[in-house]
Amino acid sequence: MPMEHSPSIGDWYKNEAGGTFEVVALDEQDGYVEIQYFDGTVEELDLDAWQDLQLEAVEPPDDWSGSLDIQPDDYGVDIEGHNRPDSHNPLDDLEQ
């Protein structure tokens, strides 16, 4: 018997196949819910199909880059370099 979860935008779930997804849109008037899997795939389900799913509520992933298909080296910023003691903060140049 499927467990009933009321869809709510921003909630994350894991389905019986192990895929994690977020509820990204909900239209109760027209009777559909739109979900986006961690890899970026978007799927639209009617609310009856939603109720038939066997879902487990989960926490959002720590790594938000899943749907972007990029590696940390591709972010375009030097994450490590911003906290160096010799780095210059442009806000220090502003008058108080």
Protein backbone atom coordinates (compact mmCIF):
# COMPACT_ATOMS: atom_id res chain seq x y z
CA MET A 1 0.00 0.00 0.00
CA PRO A 2 1.54 3.33 -1.00
CA MET A 3 2.23 5.92 1.66
CA GLU A 4 0.36 9.16 1.05
CA HIS A 5 2.39 12.36 0.95
CA SER A 6 0.81 15.69 0.11
CA PRO A 7 3.08 17.37 -2.41
CA SER A 8 4.51 20.70 -1.37
CA ILE A 9 6.84 22.86 -3.47
CA GLY A 10 10.41 22.55 -2.23
CA ASP A 11 9.97 19.15 -0.57
CA TRP A 12 12.39 16.35 -1.54
CA TYR A 13 11.50 12.67 -1.86
CA LYS A 14 13.09 9.37 -2.78
CA ASN A 15 11.05 6.97 -4.93
CA GLU A 16 11.07 3.16 -4.83
CA ALA A 17 13.78 3.09 -7.55
CA GLY A 18 16.06 5.23 -5.37
CA GLY A 19 15.79 8.42 -7.44
CA THR A 20 15.62 11.67 -5.49
CA PHE A 21 13.52 14.57 -6.66
CA GLU A 22 12.07 17.91 -5.60
CA VAL A 23 8.51 19.12 -6.03
CA VAL A 24 8.90 22.22 -8.22
CA ALA A 25 5.30 23.05 -9.18
CA LEU A 26 1.84 22.17 -7.96
CA ASP A 27 -1.52 22.95 -9.54
CA GLU A 28 -4.29 21.50 -7.42
CA GLN A 29 -6.98 23.10 -9.60
CA ASP A 30 -5.78 21.30 -12.75
CA GLY A 31 -4.65 18.27 -10.72
CA TYR A 32 -0.94 17.93 -11.42
CA VAL A 33 2.42 18.07 -9.67
CA GLU A 34 5.73 18.74 -11.41
CA ILE A 35 8.91 17.17 -10.06
CA GLN A 36 12.57 17.60 -10.92
CA TYR A 37 15.01 14.78 -10.32
CA PHE A 38 18.49 15.52 -8.98
CA ASP A 39 19.93 15.00 -12.47
CA GLY A 40 17.70 17.78 -13.87
CA THR A 41 15.00 15.63 -15.50
CA VAL A 42 11.54 17.19 -15.11
CA GLU A 43 8.38 15.09 -14.94
CA GLU A 44 4.72 16.04 -14.64
CA LEU A 45 2.35 13.72 -12.78
CA ASP A 46 -1.36 13.92 -12.16
CA LEU A 47 -2.31 13.92 -8.49
CA ASP A 48 -3.78 10.41 -8.72
CA ALA A 49 -0.43 9.07 -9.98
CA TRP A 50 1.32 11.00 -7.19
CA GLN A 51 -0.80 9.25 -4.55
CA ASP A 52 0.12 5.84 -6.03
CA LEU A 53 3.87 6.46 -5.60
CA GLN A 54 5.77 4.84 -2.77
CA LEU A 55 7.80 7.76 -1.47
CA GLU A 56 10.14 8.51 1.37
CA ALA A 57 10.60 12.13 2.45
CA VAL A 58 14.32 13.04 2.40
CA GLU A 59 16.48 16.08 3.13
CA PRO A 60 17.62 18.21 0.18
CA PRO A 61 21.03 17.16 -1.15
CA ASP A 62 24.08 19.03 0.12
CA ASP A 63 25.48 19.12 -3.41
CA TRP A 64 23.14 21.42 -5.37
CA SER A 65 25.06 20.91 -8.61
CA GLY A 66 23.45 17.58 -9.59
CA SER A 67 21.30 18.97 -12.34
CA LEU A 68 24.09 21.19 -13.65
CA ASP A 69 26.32 18.30 -14.74
CA ILE A 70 29.49 20.10 -13.65
CA GLN A 71 32.43 19.27 -11.44
CA PRO A 72 33.65 21.50 -8.57
CA ASP A 73 36.61 22.57 -10.74
CA ASP A 74 34.11 23.93 -13.29
CA TYR A 75 32.36 26.35 -10.89
CA GLY A 76 34.52 29.21 -12.19
CA VAL A 77 35.64 30.45 -8.79
CA ASP A 78 38.60 29.68 -6.59
CA ILE A 79 36.76 28.51 -3.49
CA GLU A 80 39.97 27.97 -1.56
CA GLY A 81 41.50 31.33 -2.51
CA HIS A 82 38.90 33.63 -0.96
CA ASN A 83 40.05 33.08 2.61
CA ARG A 84 43.75 33.66 2.11
CA PRO A 85 45.29 36.23 4.46
CA ASP A 86 46.91 38.08 1.53
CA SER A 87 43.62 38.50 -0.39
CA HIS A 88 42.27 42.03 -0.72
CA ASN A 89 38.73 42.90 0.31
CA PRO A 90 37.42 45.78 -1.89
CA LEU A 91 35.08 46.86 0.90
CA ASP A 92 38.14 47.92 2.90
CA ASP A 93 38.62 50.78 0.37
CA LEU A 94 35.22 52.37 1.13
CA GLU A 95 35.06 55.35 3.45
CA GLN A 96 32.98 54.89 6.55
